[in-house]
Amino acid sequence: MKGMGAENRKPMVSQYGSVDPAPAQSQGSVESWSSTLVDENVPMFQRMRSVFSLRNHGSNEACLALCTGFSASSALLRHELAYVLGQMQNDVALPALIERLSDSEEHIMVRHEAAEA
């Protein structure tokens, strides 16, 4: 896209039909992405890249790794986790989503997305 103005660039659309706020990583493993996801010392952008990498991987293992991210202190990250789990439509995520929805102390944005999922 060198030499093209910003108005000519089209955002990348994921296999799930969404334009993600951070690009998935093309290299890595479920284990490494999971480790990055739960590390509160890693910048949020890198953690979000791991979210979309795990979602795109699509396995049960990746789905369960995403569920471990609900321990994050960031409500925005927990919201994004619920959103991508909804995109994945994997039954292994149901217990974690129900737990988020049932937790009256959880941020309403996260609970809403868990209900949508």
PDB file of N, CA and C in Angstrom:
ATOM      1  N   MET A   1       0.818  -1.195   0.000  1.00  0.00           N
ATOM      2  CA  MET A   1       0.000   0.000   0.000  1.00  0.00           C
ATOM      3  C   MET A   1       0.862   1.260   0.000  1.00  0.00           C
ATOM      4  N   LYS A   2       2.119   1.090  -0.229  1.00  0.00           N
ATOM      5  CA  LYS A   2       3.027   2.220  -0.251  1.00  0.00           C
ATOM      6  C   LYS A   2       2.548   3.230  -1.283  1.00  0.00           C
ATOM      7  N   GLY A   3       2.517   4.487  -0.856  1.00  0.00           N
ATOM      8  CA  GLY A   3       2.125   5.546  -1.763  1.00  0.00           C
ATOM      9  C   GLY A   3       0.627   5.783  -1.836  1.00  0.00           C
ATOM     10  N   MET A   4      -0.155   4.959  -1.189  1.00  0.00           N
ATOM     11  CA  MET A   4      -1.601   5.143  -1.220  1.00  0.00           C
ATOM     12  C   MET A   4      -2.027   5.973  -0.021  1.00  0.00           C
ATOM     13  N   GLY A   5      -2.996   6.824  -0.220  1.00  0.00           N
ATOM     14  CA  GLY A   5      -3.527   7.613   0.883  1.00  0.00           C
ATOM     15  C   GLY A   5      -4.357   6.752   1.810  1.00  0.00           C
ATOM     16  N   ALA A   6      -4.535   7.227   3.033  1.00  0.00           N
ATOM     17  CA  ALA A   6      -5.289   6.472   4.040  1.00  0.00           C
ATOM     18  C   ALA A   6      -6.712   6.180   3.571  1.00  0.00           C
ATOM     19  N   GLU A   7      -7.268   7.078   2.735  1.00  0.00           N
ATOM     20  CA  GLU A   7      -8.645   6.873   2.277  1.00  0.00           C
ATOM     21  C   GLU A   7      -8.783   5.662   1.357  1.00  0.00           C
ATOM     22  N   ASN A   8      -7.659   5.182   0.791  1.00  0.00           N
ATOM     23  CA  ASN A   8      -7.695   4.025  -0.099  1.00  0.00           C
ATOM     24  C   ASN A   8      -7.428   2.703   0.608  1.00  0.00           C
ATOM     25  N   ARG A   9      -7.063   2.754   1.853  1.00  0.00           N
ATOM     26  CA  ARG A   9      -6.769   1.526   2.596  1.00  0.00           C
ATOM     27  C   ARG A   9      -8.053   0.949   3.158  1.00  0.00           C
ATOM     28  N   LYS A  10      -8.172  -0.351   3.052  1.00  0.00           N
ATOM     29  CA  LYS A  10      -9.345  -1.023   3.609  1.00  0.00           C
ATOM     30  C   LYS A  10      -8.907  -1.811   4.831  1.00  0.00           C
ATOM     31  N   PRO A  11      -9.701  -1.741   5.901  1.00  0.00           N
ATOM     32  CA  PRO A  11      -9.331  -2.514   7.096  1.00  0.00           C
ATOM     33  C   PRO A  11      -9.424  -4.014   6.820  1.00  0.00           C
ATOM     34  N   MET A  12      -8.585  -4.762   7.505  1.00  0.00           N
ATOM     35  CA  MET A  12      -8.608  -6.223   7.385  1.00  0.00           C
ATOM     36  C   MET A  12      -9.849  -6.756   8.096  1.00  0.00           C
ATOM     37  N   VAL A  13     -10.569  -7.618   7.427  1.00  0.00           N
ATOM     38  CA  VAL A  13     -11.750  -8.250   8.015  1.00  0.00           C
ATOM     39  C   VAL A  13     -11.356  -9.673   8.396  1.00  0.00           C
ATOM     40  N   SER A  14     -11.639 -10.039   9.650  1.00  0.00           N
ATOM     41  CA  SER A  14     -11.266 -11.367  10.151  1.00  0.00           C
ATOM     42  C   SER A  14     -12.151 -12.450   9.543  1.00  0.00           C
ATOM     43  N   GLN A  15     -11.771 -13.681   9.774  1.00  0.00           N
ATOM     44  CA  GLN A  15     -12.570 -14.818   9.316  1.00  0.00           C
ATOM     45  C   GLN A  15     -13.940 -14.841   9.982  1.00  0.00           C
ATOM     46  N   TYR A  16     -14.098 -14.040  11.043  1.00  0.00           N
ATOM     47  CA  TYR A  16     -15.375 -13.958  11.751  1.00  0.00           C
ATOM     48  C   TYR A  16     -16.206 -12.760  11.295  1.00  0.00           C
ATOM     49  N   GLY A  17     -15.688 -12.027  10.298  1.00  0.00           N
ATOM     50  CA  GLY A  17     -16.425 -10.894   9.752  1.00  0.00           C
ATOM     51  C   GLY A  17     -16.251  -9.598  10.515  1.00  0.00           C
ATOM     52  N   SER A  18     -15.327  -9.556  11.469  1.00  0.00           N
ATOM     53  CA  SER A  18     -15.108  -8.350  12.258  1.00  0.00           C
ATOM     54  C   SER A  18     -13.788  -7.689  11.878  1.00  0.00           C
ATOM     55  N   VAL A  19     -13.718  -6.386  12.130  1.00  0.00           N
ATOM     56  CA  VAL A  19     -12.463  -5.651  12.006  1.00  0.00           C
ATOM     57  C   VAL A  19     -11.919  -5.542  13.422  1.00  0.00           C
ATOM     58  N   ASP A  20     -10.835  -6.242  13.679  1.00  0.00           N
ATOM     59  CA  ASP A  20     -10.294  -6.344  15.034  1.00  0.00           C
ATOM     60  C   ASP A  20      -9.435  -5.135  15.388  1.00  0.00           C
ATOM     61  N   PRO A  21      -9.455  -4.709  16.658  1.00  0.00           N
ATOM     62  CA  PRO A  21      -8.668  -3.545  17.073  1.00  0.00           C
ATOM     63  C   PRO A  21      -7.164  -3.798  17.141  1.00  0.00           C
ATOM     64  N   ALA A  22      -6.753  -5.042  17.039  1.00  0.00           N
ATOM     65  CA  ALA A  22      -5.326  -5.402  17.033  1.00  0.00           C
ATOM     66  C   ALA A  22      -5.167  -6.617  16.122  1.00  0.00           C
ATOM     67  N   PRO A  23      -4.129  -6.635  15.304  1.00  0.00           N
ATOM     68  CA  PRO A  23      -3.961  -7.772  14.388  1.00  0.00           C
ATOM     69  C   PRO A  23      -3.506  -9.032  15.116  1.00  0.00           C
ATOM     70  N   ALA A  24      -4.047 -10.150  14.704  1.00  0.00           N
ATOM     71  CA  ALA A  24      -3.597 -11.439  15.247  1.00  0.00           C
ATOM     72  C   ALA A  24      -2.154 -11.670  14.820  1.00  0.00           C
ATOM     73  N   GLN A  25      -1.455 -12.461  15.608  1.00  0.00           N
ATOM     74  CA  GLN A  25      -0.070 -12.808  15.278  1.00  0.00           C
ATOM     75  C   GLN A  25      -0.077 -14.019  14.355  1.00  0.00           C
ATOM     76  N   SER A  26       0.790 -13.995  13.366  1.00  0.00           N
ATOM     77  CA  SER A  26       0.848 -15.113  12.427  1.00  0.00           C
ATOM     78  C   SER A  26       1.739 -16.239  12.943  1.00  0.00           C
ATOM     79  N   GLN A  27       2.601 -15.947  13.886  1.00  0.00           N
ATOM     80  CA  GLN A  27       3.501 -16.943  14.463  1.00  0.00           C
ATOM     81  C   GLN A  27       3.236 -17.046  15.960  1.00  0.00           C
ATOM     82  N   GLY A  28       3.357 -18.242  16.499  1.00  0.00           N
ATOM     83  CA  GLY A  28       3.187 -18.436  17.932  1.00  0.00           C
ATOM     84  C   GLY A  28       2.453 -19.722  18.221  1.00  0.00           C
ATOM     85  N   SER A  29       2.129 -19.883  19.490  1.00  0.00           N
ATOM     86  CA  SER A  29       1.441 -21.091  19.936  1.00  0.00           C
ATOM     87  C   SER A  29       0.374 -20.713  20.951  1.00  0.00           C
ATOM     88  N   VAL A  30      -0.541 -21.630  21.174  1.00  0.00           N
ATOM     89  CA  VAL A  30      -1.576 -21.403  22.183  1.00  0.00           C
ATOM     90  C   VAL A  30      -0.920 -21.104  23.523  1.00  0.00           C
ATOM     91  N   GLU A  31       0.120 -21.838  23.856  1.00  0.00           N
ATOM     92  CA  GLU A  31       0.805 -21.636  25.137  1.00  0.00           C
ATOM     93  C   GLU A  31       1.404 -20.230  25.242  1.00  0.00           C
ATOM     94  N   SER A  32       2.073 -19.772  24.204  1.00  0.00           N
ATOM     95  CA  SER A  32       2.707 -18.447  24.273  1.00  0.00           C
ATOM     96  C   SER A  32       1.663 -17.334  24.267  1.00  0.00           C
ATOM     97  N   TRP A  33       0.627 -17.474  23.443  1.00  0.00           N
ATOM     98  CA  TRP A  33      -0.421 -16.456  23.426  1.00  0.00           C
ATOM     99  C   TRP A  33      -1.160 -16.407  24.755  1.00  0.00           C
ATOM    100  N   SER A  34      -1.402 -17.561  25.353  1.00  0.00           N
ATOM    101  CA  SER A  34      -2.076 -17.625  26.644  1.00  0.00           C
ATOM    102  C   SER A  34      -1.241 -16.943  27.723  1.00  0.00           C
ATOM    103  N   SER A  35       0.048 -17.193  27.701  1.00  0.00           N
ATOM    104  CA  SER A  35       0.956 -16.583  28.673  1.00  0.00           C
ATOM    105  C   SER A  35       0.944 -15.060  28.549  1.00  0.00           C
ATOM    106  N   THR A  36       0.967 -14.571  27.319  1.00  0.00           N
ATOM    107  CA  THR A  36       0.923 -13.124  27.083  1.00  0.00           C
ATOM    108  C   THR A  36      -0.406 -12.547  27.547  1.00  0.00           C
ATOM    109  N   LEU A  37      -1.482 -13.239  27.262  1.00  0.00           N
ATOM    110  CA  LEU A  37      -2.822 -12.773  27.613  1.00  0.00           C
ATOM    111  C   LEU A  37      -2.966 -12.496  29.102  1.00  0.00           C
ATOM    112  N   VAL A  38      -2.464 -13.370  29.939  1.00  0.00           N
ATOM    113  CA  VAL A  38      -2.684 -13.239  31.385  1.00  0.00           C
ATOM    114  C   VAL A  38      -1.597 -12.439  32.101  1.00  0.00           C
ATOM    115  N   ASP A  39      -0.575 -11.996  31.389  1.00  0.00           N
ATOM    116  CA  ASP A  39       0.529 -11.248  32.004  1.00  0.00           C
ATOM    117  C   ASP A  39       0.172  -9.765  32.081  1.00  0.00           C
ATOM    118  N   GLU A  40      -0.136  -9.302  33.283  1.00  0.00           N
ATOM    119  CA  GLU A  40      -0.549  -7.911  33.496  1.00  0.00           C
ATOM    120  C   GLU A  40       0.571  -6.911  33.198  1.00  0.00           C
ATOM    121  N   ASN A  41       1.809  -7.381  33.060  1.00  0.00           N
ATOM    122  CA  ASN A  41       2.932  -6.493  32.755  1.00  0.00           C
ATOM    123  C   ASN A  41       3.134  -6.284  31.257  1.00  0.00           C
ATOM    124  N   VAL A  42       2.453  -7.053  30.448  1.00  0.00           N
ATOM    125  CA  VAL A  42       2.555  -6.932  28.992  1.00  0.00           C
ATOM    126  C   VAL A  42       1.619  -5.807  28.540  1.00  0.00           C
ATOM    127  N   PRO A  43       2.070  -4.957  27.599  1.00  0.00           N
ATOM    128  CA  PRO A  43       1.192  -3.886  27.104  1.00  0.00           C
ATOM    129  C   PRO A  43      -0.130  -4.443  26.557  1.00  0.00           C
ATOM    130  N   MET A  44      -1.197  -3.677  26.754  1.00  0.00           N
ATOM    131  CA  MET A  44      -2.536  -4.122  26.359  1.00  0.00           C
ATOM    132  C   MET A  44      -2.618  -4.479  24.877  1.00  0.00           C
ATOM    133  N   PHE A  45      -1.929  -3.735  24.015  1.00  0.00           N
ATOM    134  CA  PHE A  45      -1.976  -4.030  22.585  1.00  0.00           C
ATOM    135  C   PHE A  45      -1.483  -5.449  22.307  1.00  0.00           C
ATOM    136  N   GLN A  46      -0.403  -5.857  22.953  1.00  0.00           N
ATOM    137  CA  GLN A  46       0.126  -7.212  22.759  1.00  0.00           C
ATOM    138  C   GLN A  46      -0.836  -8.258  23.315  1.00  0.00           C
ATOM    139  N   ARG A  47      -1.459  -7.942  24.433  1.00  0.00           N
ATOM    140  CA  ARG A  47      -2.434  -8.870  25.012  1.00  0.00           C
ATOM    141  C   ARG A  47      -3.626  -9.040  24.073  1.00  0.00           C
ATOM    142  N   MET A  48      -4.075  -7.936  23.464  1.00  0.00           N
ATOM    143  CA  MET A  48      -5.178  -8.009  22.504  1.00  0.00           C
ATOM    144  C   MET A  48      -4.774  -8.819  21.273  1.00  0.00           C
ATOM    145  N   ARG A  49      -3.544  -8.677  20.826  1.00  0.00           N
ATOM    146  CA  ARG A  49      -3.081  -9.481  19.691  1.00  0.00           C
ATOM    147  C   ARG A  49      -3.182 -10.967  20.031  1.00  0.00           C
ATOM    148  N   SER A  50      -2.866 -11.302  21.275  1.00  0.00           N
ATOM    149  CA  SER A  50      -2.976 -12.697  21.706  1.00  0.00           C
ATOM    150  C   SER A  50      -4.427 -13.160  21.714  1.00  0.00           C
ATOM    151  N   VAL A  51      -5.340 -12.277  22.117  1.00  0.00           N
ATOM    152  CA  VAL A  51      -6.770 -12.613  22.099  1.00  0.00           C
ATOM    153  C   VAL A  51      -7.186 -13.042  20.690  1.00  0.00           C
ATOM    154  N   PHE A  52      -6.831 -12.251  19.701  1.00  0.00           N
ATOM    155  CA  PHE A  52      -7.270 -12.545  18.336  1.00  0.00           C
ATOM    156  C   PHE A  52      -6.507 -13.711  17.729  1.00  0.00           C
ATOM    157  N   SER A  53      -5.287 -13.915  18.177  1.00  0.00           N
ATOM    158  CA  SER A  53      -4.523 -15.085  17.728  1.00  0.00           C
ATOM    159  C   SER A  53      -5.172 -16.361  18.243  1.00  0.00           C
ATOM    160  N   LEU A  54      -5.560 -16.346  19.516  1.00  0.00           N
ATOM    161  CA  LEU A  54      -6.225 -17.512  20.103  1.00  0.00           C
ATOM    162  C   LEU A  54      -7.576 -17.752  19.434  1.00  0.00           C
ATOM    163  N   ARG A  55      -8.323 -16.694  19.223  1.00  0.00           N
ATOM    164  CA  ARG A  55      -9.623 -16.849  18.551  1.00  0.00           C
ATOM    165  C   ARG A  55      -9.438 -17.465  17.170  1.00  0.00           C
ATOM    166  N   ASN A  56      -8.483 -16.953  16.419  1.00  0.00           N
ATOM    167  CA  ASN A  56      -8.272 -17.460  15.062  1.00  0.00           C
ATOM    168  C   ASN A  56      -7.776 -18.899  15.056  1.00  0.00           C
ATOM    169  N   HIS A  57      -7.056 -19.291  16.107  1.00  0.00           N
ATOM    170  CA  HIS A  57      -6.602 -20.685  16.206  1.00  0.00           C
ATOM    171  C   HIS A  57      -7.826 -21.595  16.257  1.00  0.00           C
ATOM    172  N   GLY A  58      -8.805 -21.214  17.077  1.00  0.00           N
ATOM    173  CA  GLY A  58     -10.103 -21.864  17.055  1.00  0.00           C
ATOM    174  C   GLY A  58     -10.263 -23.183  17.787  1.00  0.00           C
ATOM    175  N   SER A  59      -9.202 -23.712  18.353  1.00  0.00           N
ATOM    176  CA  SER A  59      -9.285 -25.018  19.019  1.00  0.00           C
ATOM    177  C   SER A  59      -9.942 -24.902  20.397  1.00  0.00           C
ATOM    178  N   ASN A  60     -10.332 -26.047  20.949  1.00  0.00           N
ATOM    179  CA  ASN A  60     -10.830 -26.070  22.326  1.00  0.00           C
ATOM    180  C   ASN A  60      -9.772 -25.534  23.279  1.00  0.00           C
ATOM    181  N   GLU A  61      -8.518 -25.916  23.047  1.00  0.00           N
ATOM    182  CA  GLU A  61      -7.414 -25.450  23.889  1.00  0.00           C
ATOM    183  C   GLU A  61      -7.308 -23.922  23.842  1.00  0.00           C
ATOM    184  N   ALA A  62      -7.427 -23.346  22.666  1.00  0.00           N
ATOM    185  CA  ALA A  62      -7.360 -21.891  22.523  1.00  0.00           C
ATOM    186  C   ALA A  62      -8.553 -21.228  23.205  1.00  0.00           C
ATOM    187  N   CYS A  63      -9.714 -21.830  23.078  1.00  0.00           N
ATOM    188  CA  CYS A  63     -10.919 -21.304  23.710  1.00  0.00           C
ATOM    189  C   CYS A  63     -10.777 -21.296  25.232  1.00  0.00           C
ATOM    190  N   LEU A  64     -10.276 -22.376  25.786  1.00  0.00           N
ATOM    191  CA  LEU A  64     -10.064 -22.443  27.234  1.00  0.00           C
ATOM    192  C   LEU A  64      -8.994 -21.456  27.683  1.00  0.00           C
ATOM    193  N   ALA A  65      -7.976 -21.239  26.852  1.00  0.00           N
ATOM    194  CA  ALA A  65      -6.949 -20.243  27.172  1.00  0.00           C
ATOM    195  C   ALA A  65      -7.569 -18.851  27.238  1.00  0.00           C
ATOM    196  N   LEU A  66      -8.477 -18.558  26.323  1.00  0.00           N
ATOM    197  CA  LEU A  66      -9.173 -17.273  26.369  1.00  0.00           C
ATOM    198  C   LEU A  66      -9.960 -17.126  27.671  1.00  0.00           C
ATOM    199  N   CYS A  67     -10.579 -18.195  28.110  1.00  0.00           N
ATOM    200  CA  CYS A  67     -11.360 -18.159  29.351  1.00  0.00           C
ATOM    201  C   CYS A  67     -10.496 -17.823  30.563  1.00  0.00           C
ATOM    202  N   THR A  68      -9.220 -18.225  30.540  1.00  0.00           N
ATOM    203  CA  THR A  68      -8.341 -17.898  31.674  1.00  0.00           C
ATOM    204  C   THR A  68      -8.105 -16.399  31.771  1.00  0.00           C
ATOM    205  N   GLY A  69      -8.303 -15.686  30.675  1.00  0.00           N
ATOM    206  CA  GLY A  69      -8.107 -14.241  30.676  1.00  0.00           C
ATOM    207  C   GLY A  69      -9.147 -13.474  31.466  1.00  0.00           C
ATOM    208  N   PHE A  70     -10.243 -14.118  31.848  1.00  0.00           N
ATOM    209  CA  PHE A  70     -11.259 -13.430  32.646  1.00  0.00           C
ATOM    210  C   PHE A  70     -10.745 -13.021  34.026  1.00  0.00           C
ATOM    211  N   SER A  71      -9.549 -13.462  34.388  1.00  0.00           N
ATOM    212  CA  SER A  71      -8.942 -13.028  35.653  1.00  0.00           C
ATOM    213  C   SER A  71      -8.261 -11.667  35.509  1.00  0.00           C
ATOM    214  N   ALA A  72      -8.218 -11.110  34.308  1.00  0.00           N
ATOM    215  CA  ALA A  72      -7.544  -9.831  34.055  1.00  0.00           C
ATOM    216  C   ALA A  72      -8.208  -8.691  34.816  1.00  0.00           C
ATOM    217  N   SER A  73      -7.409  -7.711  35.185  1.00  0.00           N
ATOM    218  CA  SER A  73      -7.948  -6.549  35.899  1.00  0.00           C
ATOM    219  C   SER A  73      -8.689  -5.591  34.961  1.00  0.00           C
ATOM    220  N   SER A  74      -8.429  -5.661  33.674  1.00  0.00           N
ATOM    221  CA  SER A  74      -9.030  -4.750  32.701  1.00  0.00           C
ATOM    222  C   SER A  74     -10.416  -5.221  32.258  1.00  0.00           C
ATOM    223  N   ALA A  75     -11.434  -4.396  32.538  1.00  0.00           N
ATOM    224  CA  ALA A  75     -12.789  -4.716  32.086  1.00  0.00           C
ATOM    225  C   ALA A  75     -12.865  -4.690  30.561  1.00  0.00           C
ATOM    226  N   LEU A  76     -12.094  -3.820  29.933  1.00  0.00           N
ATOM    227  CA  LEU A  76     -12.089  -3.767  28.474  1.00  0.00           C
ATOM    228  C   LEU A  76     -11.589  -5.082  27.882  1.00  0.00           C
ATOM    229  N   LEU A  77     -10.537  -5.632  28.463  1.00  0.00           N
ATOM    230  CA  LEU A  77     -10.011  -6.915  27.988  1.00  0.00           C
ATOM    231  C   LEU A  77     -11.016  -8.037  28.241  1.00  0.00           C
ATOM    232  N   ARG A  78     -11.621  -8.052  29.428  1.00  0.00           N
ATOM    233  CA  ARG A  78     -12.619  -9.088  29.733  1.00  0.00           C
ATOM    234  C   ARG A  78     -13.811  -8.990  28.779  1.00  0.00           C
ATOM    235  N   HIS A  79     -14.204  -7.767  28.437  1.00  0.00           N
ATOM    236  CA  HIS A  79     -15.277  -7.555  27.465  1.00  0.00           C
ATOM    237  C   HIS A  79     -14.893  -8.142  26.112  1.00  0.00           C
ATOM    238  N   GLU A  80     -13.663  -7.873  25.677  1.00  0.00           N
ATOM    239  CA  GLU A  80     -13.207  -8.383  24.376  1.00  0.00           C
ATOM    240  C   GLU A  80     -13.150  -9.905  24.384  1.00  0.00           C
ATOM    241  N   LEU A  81     -12.763 -10.480  25.517  1.00  0.00           N
ATOM    242  CA  LEU A  81     -12.745 -11.940  25.641  1.00  0.00           C
ATOM    243  C   LEU A  81     -14.145 -12.513  25.447  1.00  0.00           C
ATOM    244  N   ALA A  82     -15.130 -11.925  26.103  1.00  0.00           N
ATOM    245  CA  ALA A  82     -16.507 -12.405  25.953  1.00  0.00           C
ATOM    246  C   ALA A  82     -16.967 -12.250  24.504  1.00  0.00           C
ATOM    247  N   TYR A  83     -16.576 -11.161  23.871  1.00  0.00           N
ATOM    248  CA  TYR A  83     -16.958 -10.924  22.480  1.00  0.00           C
ATOM    249  C   TYR A  83     -16.396 -12.005  21.560  1.00  0.00           C
ATOM    250  N   VAL A  84     -15.090 -12.277  21.673  1.00  0.00           N
ATOM    251  CA  VAL A  84     -14.491 -13.271  20.769  1.00  0.00           C
ATOM    252  C   VAL A  84     -14.983 -14.680  21.087  1.00  0.00           C
ATOM    253  N   LEU A  85     -15.272 -14.957  22.351  1.00  0.00           N
ATOM    254  CA  LEU A  85     -15.836 -16.267  22.686  1.00  0.00           C
ATOM    255  C   LEU A  85     -17.216 -16.423  22.046  1.00  0.00           C
ATOM    256  N   GLY A  86     -17.955 -15.341  21.975  1.00  0.00           N
ATOM    257  CA  GLY A  86     -19.230 -15.363  21.267  1.00  0.00           C
ATOM    258  C   GLY A  86     -19.044 -15.609  19.782  1.00  0.00           C
ATOM    259  N   GLN A  87     -18.013 -15.017  19.207  1.00  0.00           N
ATOM    260  CA  GLN A  87     -17.719 -15.263  17.794  1.00  0.00           C
ATOM    261  C   GLN A  87     -17.386 -16.730  17.556  1.00  0.00           C
ATOM    262  N   MET A  88     -16.641 -17.322  18.477  1.00  0.00           N
ATOM    263  CA  MET A  88     -16.186 -18.706  18.312  1.00  0.00           C
ATOM    264  C   MET A  88     -17.324 -19.715  18.422  1.00  0.00           C
ATOM    265  N   GLN A  89     -18.332 -19.402  19.245  1.00  0.00           N
ATOM    266  CA  GLN A  89     -19.468 -20.311  19.436  1.00  0.00           C
ATOM    267  C   GLN A  89     -19.020 -21.719  19.833  1.00  0.00           C
ATOM    268  N   ASN A  90     -18.092 -21.782  20.775  1.00  0.00           N
ATOM    269  CA  ASN A  90     -17.562 -23.067  21.241  1.00  0.00           C
ATOM    270  C   ASN A  90     -18.154 -23.359  22.617  1.00  0.00           C
ATOM    271  N   ASP A  91     -18.804 -24.492  22.742  1.00  0.00           N
ATOM    272  CA  ASP A  91     -19.476 -24.858  23.992  1.00  0.00           C
ATOM    273  C   ASP A  91     -18.540 -24.958  25.189  1.00  0.00           C
ATOM    274  N   VAL A  92     -17.252 -25.171  24.970  1.00  0.00           N
ATOM    275  CA  VAL A  92     -16.344 -25.283  26.119  1.00  0.00           C
ATOM    276  C   VAL A  92     -16.246 -23.965  26.879  1.00  0.00           C
ATOM    277  N   ALA A  93     -16.645 -22.849  26.260  1.00  0.00           N
ATOM    278  CA  ALA A  93     -16.593 -21.545  26.919  1.00  0.00           C
ATOM    279  C   ALA A  93     -17.825 -21.259  27.779  1.00  0.00           C
ATOM    280  N   LEU A  94     -18.868 -22.059  27.638  1.00  0.00           N
ATOM    281  CA  LEU A  94     -20.123 -21.764  28.341  1.00  0.00           C
ATOM    282  C   LEU A  94     -19.976 -21.608  29.851  1.00  0.00           C
ATOM    283  N   PRO A  95     -19.278 -22.497  30.557  1.00  0.00           N
ATOM    284  CA  PRO A  95     -19.163 -22.302  32.007  1.00  0.00           C
ATOM    285  C   PRO A  95     -18.524 -20.960  32.386  1.00  0.00           C
ATOM    286  N   ALA A  96     -17.485 -20.553  31.672  1.00  0.00           N
ATOM    287  CA  ALA A  96     -16.818 -19.278  31.977  1.00  0.00           C
ATOM    288  C   ALA A  96     -17.731 -18.098  31.654  1.00  0.00           C
ATOM    289  N   LEU A  97     -18.456 -18.177  30.549  1.00  0.00           N
ATOM    290  CA  LEU A  97     -19.370 -17.091  30.186  1.00  0.00           C
ATOM    291  C   LEU A  97     -20.524 -16.983  31.178  1.00  0.00           C
ATOM    292  N   ILE A  98     -21.061 -18.113  31.589  1.00  0.00           N
ATOM    293  CA  ILE A  98     -22.146 -18.109  32.580  1.00  0.00           C
ATOM    294  C   ILE A  98     -21.650 -17.538  33.903  1.00  0.00           C
ATOM    295  N   GLU A  99     -20.422 -17.874  34.269  1.00  0.00           N
ATOM    296  CA  GLU A  99     -19.842 -17.335  35.506  1.00  0.00           C
ATOM    297  C   GLU A  99     -19.727 -15.816  35.433  1.00  0.00           C
ATOM    298  N   ARG A 100     -19.280 -15.282  34.305  1.00  0.00           N
ATOM    299  CA  ARG A 100     -19.156 -13.820  34.137  1.00  0.00           C
ATOM    300  C   ARG A 100     -20.530 -13.180  34.211  1.00  0.00           C
ATOM    301  N   LEU A 101     -21.494 -13.767  33.557  1.00  0.00           N
ATOM    302  CA  LEU A 101     -22.847 -13.227  33.541  1.00  0.00           C
ATOM    303  C   LEU A 101     -23.479 -13.273  34.925  1.00  0.00           C
ATOM    304  N   SER A 102     -23.196 -14.298  35.686  1.00  0.00           N
ATOM    305  CA  SER A 102     -23.792 -14.486  37.010  1.00  0.00           C
ATOM    306  C   SER A 102     -23.144 -13.642  38.093  1.00  0.00           C
ATOM    307  N   ASP A 103     -21.959 -13.112  37.835  1.00  0.00           N
ATOM    308  CA  ASP A 103     -21.217 -12.337  38.834  1.00  0.00           C
ATOM    309  C   ASP A 103     -21.741 -10.902  38.872  1.00  0.00           C
ATOM    310  N   SER A 104     -22.518 -10.580  39.893  1.00  0.00           N
ATOM    311  CA  SER A 104     -23.111  -9.242  39.991  1.00  0.00           C
ATOM    312  C   SER A 104     -22.066  -8.152  40.214  1.00  0.00           C
ATOM    313  N   GLU A 105     -20.849  -8.534  40.570  1.00  0.00           N
ATOM    314  CA  GLU A 105     -19.765  -7.567  40.756  1.00  0.00           C
ATOM    315  C   GLU A 105     -19.012  -7.298  39.445  1.00  0.00           C
ATOM    316  N   GLU A 106     -19.275  -8.091  38.418  1.00  0.00           N
ATOM    317  CA  GLU A 106     -18.596  -7.913  37.134  1.00  0.00           C
ATOM    318  C   GLU A 106     -19.095  -6.637  36.466  1.00  0.00           C
ATOM    319  N   HIS A 107     -18.234  -5.985  35.726  1.00  0.00           N
ATOM    320  CA  HIS A 107     -18.590  -4.773  34.990  1.00  0.00           C
ATOM    321  C   HIS A 107     -19.748  -5.089  34.036  1.00  0.00           C
ATOM    322  N   ILE A 108     -20.704  -4.178  33.961  1.00  0.00           N
ATOM    323  CA  ILE A 108     -21.906  -4.402  33.153  1.00  0.00           C
ATOM    324  C   ILE A 108     -21.568  -4.629  31.675  1.00  0.00           C
ATOM    325  N   MET A 109     -20.507  -3.981  31.192  1.00  0.00           N
ATOM    326  CA  MET A 109     -20.084  -4.160  29.800  1.00  0.00           C
ATOM    327  C   MET A 109     -19.672  -5.614  29.544  1.00  0.00           C
ATOM    328  N   VAL A 110     -19.003  -6.219  30.516  1.00  0.00           N
ATOM    329  CA  VAL A 110     -18.558  -7.611  30.391  1.00  0.00           C
ATOM    330  C   VAL A 110     -19.755  -8.544  30.492  1.00  0.00           C
ATOM    331  N   ARG A 111     -20.633  -8.270  31.445  1.00  0.00           N
ATOM    332  CA  ARG A 111     -21.822  -9.106  31.614  1.00  0.00           C
ATOM    333  C   ARG A 111     -22.698  -9.063  30.364  1.00  0.00           C
ATOM    334  N   HIS A 112     -22.845  -7.887  29.790  1.00  0.00           N
ATOM    335  CA  HIS A 112     -23.631  -7.744  28.559  1.00  0.00           C
ATOM    336  C   HIS A 112     -23.044  -8.603  27.443  1.00  0.00           C
ATOM    337  N   GLU A 113     -21.733  -8.523  27.259  1.00  0.00           N
ATOM    338  CA  GLU A 113     -21.097  -9.276  26.171  1.00  0.00           C
ATOM    339  C   GLU A 113     -21.159 -10.773  26.435  1.00  0.00           C
ATOM    340  N   ALA A 114     -21.055 -11.172  27.706  1.00  0.00           N
ATOM    341  CA  ALA A 114     -21.184 -12.594  28.055  1.00  0.00           C
ATOM    342  C   ALA A 114     -22.591 -13.089  27.735  1.00  0.00           C
ATOM    343  N   ALA A 115     -23.591 -12.259  27.983  1.00  0.00           N
ATOM    344  CA  ALA A 115     -24.972 -12.635  27.665  1.00  0.00           C
ATOM    345  C   ALA A 115     -25.166 -12.754  26.155  1.00  0.00           C
ATOM    346  N   GLU A 116     -24.577 -11.844  25.405  1.00  0.00           N
ATOM    347  CA  GLU A 116     -24.664 -11.893  23.943  1.00  0.00           C
ATOM    348  C   GLU A 116     -24.001 -13.150  23.393  1.00  0.00           C
ATOM    349  N   ALA A 117     -22.898 -13.545  24.024  1.00  0.00           N
ATOM    350  CA  ALA A 117     -22.138 -14.711  23.548  1.00  0.00           C
ATOM    351  C   ALA A 117     -22.975 -15.966  23.673  1.00  0.00           C
TER     352      ALA A 117
END
